Amino acid sequence: MGATISITVNGEQRQVAAGASLSDLLAQIGLDTRKVAVERNLEIVPRSSYAATALAEADQLEIVHFIGGG
């Protein structure tokens, strides 16, 4: 098993692989990158940057996913 880092996602501690990107995390959780908004350390992350955004120890993430309906 490789090295992991500790981050907080929506208030819950989570361990992820060191070097994982935001896209990697969303895939691990099972969320479609087209249907979420992500705030990292109090800053909104542009969707176009998810793959290039490397997660770091102690990152604080808030993920909101959109659900269609009427």
N, C-alpha and C. Protein backbone atom coordinates (compact mmCIF):
# COMPACT_ATOMS: atom_id res chain seq x y z
N MET A 1 0.84 -1.19 0.00
CA MET A 1 0.00 0.00 0.00
C MET A 1 0.88 1.24 0.00
N GLY A 2 0.51 2.24 -0.80
CA GLY A 2 1.30 3.44 -0.90
C GLY A 2 1.01 4.41 0.23
N ALA A 3 1.71 5.51 0.20
CA ALA A 3 1.54 6.54 1.22
C ALA A 3 0.17 7.20 1.06
N THR A 4 -0.40 7.63 2.18
CA THR A 4 -1.68 8.32 2.15
C THR A 4 -1.56 9.66 2.87
N ILE A 5 -2.53 10.52 2.58
CA ILE A 5 -2.63 11.80 3.28
C ILE A 5 -4.03 11.88 3.88
N SER A 6 -4.19 12.73 4.86
CA SER A 6 -5.47 12.92 5.53
C SER A 6 -6.07 14.24 5.09
N ILE A 7 -7.30 14.18 4.59
CA ILE A 7 -8.03 15.38 4.19
C ILE A 7 -9.40 15.34 4.86
N THR A 8 -10.11 16.45 4.80
CA THR A 8 -11.48 16.52 5.31
C THR A 8 -12.42 16.79 4.16
N VAL A 9 -13.43 15.92 4.00
CA VAL A 9 -14.41 16.07 2.93
C VAL A 9 -15.79 16.22 3.58
N ASN A 10 -16.41 17.37 3.38
CA ASN A 10 -17.72 17.66 3.95
C ASN A 10 -17.75 17.34 5.45
N GLY A 11 -16.69 17.73 6.15
CA GLY A 11 -16.62 17.59 7.59
C GLY A 11 -16.15 16.24 8.10
N GLU A 12 -15.87 15.29 7.20
CA GLU A 12 -15.42 13.96 7.62
C GLU A 12 -14.00 13.69 7.17
N GLN A 13 -13.20 13.13 8.09
CA GLN A 13 -11.82 12.77 7.76
C GLN A 13 -11.82 11.65 6.73
N ARG A 14 -10.87 11.72 5.80
CA ARG A 14 -10.75 10.70 4.75
C ARG A 14 -9.27 10.54 4.41
N GLN A 15 -8.86 9.32 4.17
CA GLN A 15 -7.50 9.04 3.74
C GLN A 15 -7.52 8.83 2.22
N VAL A 16 -6.60 9.50 1.53
CA VAL A 16 -6.47 9.33 0.08
C VAL A 16 -5.00 9.11 -0.25
N ALA A 17 -4.75 8.55 -1.40
CA ALA A 17 -3.37 8.30 -1.83
C ALA A 17 -2.63 9.62 -2.00
N ALA A 18 -1.40 9.64 -1.53
CA ALA A 18 -0.56 10.83 -1.73
C ALA A 18 -0.42 11.06 -3.23
N GLY A 19 -0.55 12.29 -3.65
CA GLY A 19 -0.45 12.62 -5.07
C GLY A 19 -1.76 12.54 -5.82
N ALA A 20 -2.84 12.16 -5.14
CA ALA A 20 -4.14 12.07 -5.80
C ALA A 20 -4.63 13.46 -6.19
N SER A 21 -5.34 13.50 -7.31
CA SER A 21 -5.92 14.77 -7.76
C SER A 21 -7.37 14.85 -7.28
N LEU A 22 -7.94 16.01 -7.43
CA LEU A 22 -9.34 16.19 -7.09
C LEU A 22 -10.21 15.27 -7.96
N SER A 23 -9.86 15.11 -9.23
CA SER A 23 -10.60 14.19 -10.10
C SER A 23 -10.53 12.76 -9.58
N ASP A 24 -9.35 12.35 -9.09
CA ASP A 24 -9.19 11.01 -8.52
C ASP A 24 -10.12 10.81 -7.34
N LEU A 25 -10.19 11.80 -6.46
CA LEU A 25 -11.05 11.72 -5.29
C LEU A 25 -12.52 11.60 -5.70
N LEU A 26 -12.95 12.42 -6.63
CA LEU A 26 -14.34 12.38 -7.07
C LEU A 26 -14.69 11.03 -7.67
N ALA A 27 -13.76 10.45 -8.44
CA ALA A 27 -13.99 9.12 -9.02
C ALA A 27 -14.08 8.07 -7.91
N GLN A 28 -13.22 8.18 -6.90
CA GLN A 28 -13.23 7.24 -5.78
C GLN A 28 -14.56 7.30 -5.03
N ILE A 29 -15.09 8.50 -4.87
CA ILE A 29 -16.37 8.68 -4.17
C ILE A 29 -17.53 8.25 -5.07
N GLY A 30 -17.32 8.29 -6.39
CA GLY A 30 -18.37 7.91 -7.32
C GLY A 30 -19.21 9.07 -7.81
N LEU A 31 -18.62 10.27 -7.82
CA LEU A 31 -19.34 11.46 -8.27
C LEU A 31 -18.90 11.87 -9.66
N ASP A 32 -19.85 12.29 -10.47
CA ASP A 32 -19.60 12.76 -11.83
C ASP A 32 -19.06 14.19 -11.73
N THR A 33 -17.88 14.42 -12.29
CA THR A 33 -17.25 15.74 -12.19
C THR A 33 -18.11 16.83 -12.84
N ARG A 34 -19.00 16.46 -13.74
CA ARG A 34 -19.86 17.45 -14.41
C ARG A 34 -21.02 17.88 -13.53
N LYS A 35 -21.25 17.16 -12.42
CA LYS A 35 -22.42 17.44 -11.60
C LYS A 35 -22.07 17.83 -10.17
N VAL A 36 -20.86 18.35 -9.97
CA VAL A 36 -20.45 18.77 -8.63
C VAL A 36 -19.81 20.14 -8.66
N ALA A 37 -19.82 20.78 -7.51
CA ALA A 37 -19.05 22.01 -7.28
C ALA A 37 -18.16 21.70 -6.08
N VAL A 38 -16.91 22.14 -6.15
CA VAL A 38 -15.96 21.83 -5.09
C VAL A 38 -15.31 23.10 -4.56
N GLU A 39 -15.28 23.21 -3.24
CA GLU A 39 -14.57 24.28 -2.56
C GLU A 39 -13.39 23.63 -1.84
N ARG A 40 -12.20 24.14 -2.07
CA ARG A 40 -10.99 23.62 -1.44
C ARG A 40 -10.35 24.74 -0.64
N ASN A 41 -10.27 24.53 0.66
CA ASN A 41 -9.67 25.52 1.55
C ASN A 41 -10.28 26.92 1.33
N LEU A 42 -11.62 26.94 1.28
CA LEU A 42 -12.42 28.16 1.18
C LEU A 42 -12.36 28.83 -0.19
N GLU A 43 -11.86 28.14 -1.22
CA GLU A 43 -11.83 28.70 -2.57
C GLU A 43 -12.48 27.72 -3.53
N ILE A 44 -13.35 28.24 -4.39
CA ILE A 44 -14.01 27.41 -5.39
C ILE A 44 -12.95 26.94 -6.40
N VAL A 45 -12.99 25.66 -6.73
CA VAL A 45 -12.06 25.09 -7.73
C VAL A 45 -12.80 25.04 -9.06
N PRO A 46 -12.26 25.69 -10.10
CA PRO A 46 -12.91 25.62 -11.41
C PRO A 46 -12.94 24.16 -11.90
N ARG A 47 -14.05 23.76 -12.48
CA ARG A 47 -14.19 22.38 -12.96
C ARG A 47 -13.05 22.00 -13.90
N SER A 48 -12.59 22.93 -14.71
CA SER A 48 -11.51 22.66 -15.66
C SER A 48 -10.18 22.34 -14.97
N SER A 49 -10.09 22.63 -13.67
CA SER A 49 -8.84 22.40 -12.93
C SER A 49 -8.86 21.14 -12.07
N TYR A 50 -9.96 20.38 -12.05
CA TYR A 50 -10.06 19.22 -11.16
C TYR A 50 -8.90 18.25 -11.36
N ALA A 51 -8.58 17.91 -12.61
CA ALA A 51 -7.53 16.92 -12.87
C ALA A 51 -6.14 17.43 -12.48
N ALA A 52 -5.95 18.74 -12.55
CA ALA A 52 -4.64 19.34 -12.26
C ALA A 52 -4.49 19.75 -10.80
N THR A 53 -5.55 19.61 -10.00
CA THR A 53 -5.51 20.04 -8.60
C THR A 53 -5.10 18.86 -7.72
N ALA A 54 -3.84 18.89 -7.27
CA ALA A 54 -3.34 17.83 -6.40
C ALA A 54 -3.80 18.08 -4.97
N LEU A 55 -4.28 17.04 -4.33
CA LEU A 55 -4.70 17.16 -2.94
C LEU A 55 -3.48 17.17 -2.03
N ALA A 56 -3.58 17.89 -0.93
CA ALA A 56 -2.47 18.01 0.01
C ALA A 56 -2.95 17.68 1.42
N GLU A 57 -2.03 17.27 2.26
CA GLU A 57 -2.32 16.97 3.66
C GLU A 57 -3.10 18.12 4.28
N ALA A 58 -4.17 17.77 4.99
CA ALA A 58 -5.02 18.71 5.74
C ALA A 58 -5.91 19.59 4.87
N ASP A 59 -6.03 19.29 3.57
CA ASP A 59 -6.98 20.04 2.75
C ASP A 59 -8.38 19.91 3.34
N GLN A 60 -9.14 20.99 3.23
CA GLN A 60 -10.54 21.02 3.67
C GLN A 60 -11.39 21.16 2.41
N LEU A 61 -12.18 20.14 2.09
CA LEU A 61 -13.00 20.16 0.89
C LEU A 61 -14.48 20.15 1.24
N GLU A 62 -15.24 20.91 0.50
CA GLU A 62 -16.70 20.86 0.57
C GLU A 62 -17.16 20.53 -0.84
N ILE A 63 -17.90 19.44 -0.98
CA ILE A 63 -18.37 18.99 -2.28
C ILE A 63 -19.89 19.02 -2.28
N VAL A 64 -20.45 19.70 -3.26
CA VAL A 64 -21.90 19.76 -3.43
C VAL A 64 -22.21 19.12 -4.76
N HIS A 65 -23.12 18.13 -4.77
CA HIS A 65 -23.49 17.53 -6.04
C HIS A 65 -24.93 17.89 -6.38
N PHE A 66 -25.12 18.11 -7.68
CA PHE A 66 -26.41 18.56 -8.19
C PHE A 66 -27.26 17.37 -8.58
N ILE A 67 -28.52 17.42 -8.23
CA ILE A 67 -29.45 16.36 -8.58
C ILE A 67 -30.59 17.00 -9.36
N GLY A 68 -30.85 16.44 -10.54
CA GLY A 68 -31.91 16.97 -11.38
C GLY A 68 -33.28 16.61 -10.83
N GLY A 69 -34.24 17.35 -11.24
CA GLY A 69 -35.61 17.06 -10.81
C GLY A 69 -36.47 18.29 -10.93
N GLY A 70 -37.70 18.15 -10.61
CA GLY A 70 -38.59 19.29 -10.79
C GLY A 70 -39.51 19.43 -9.69
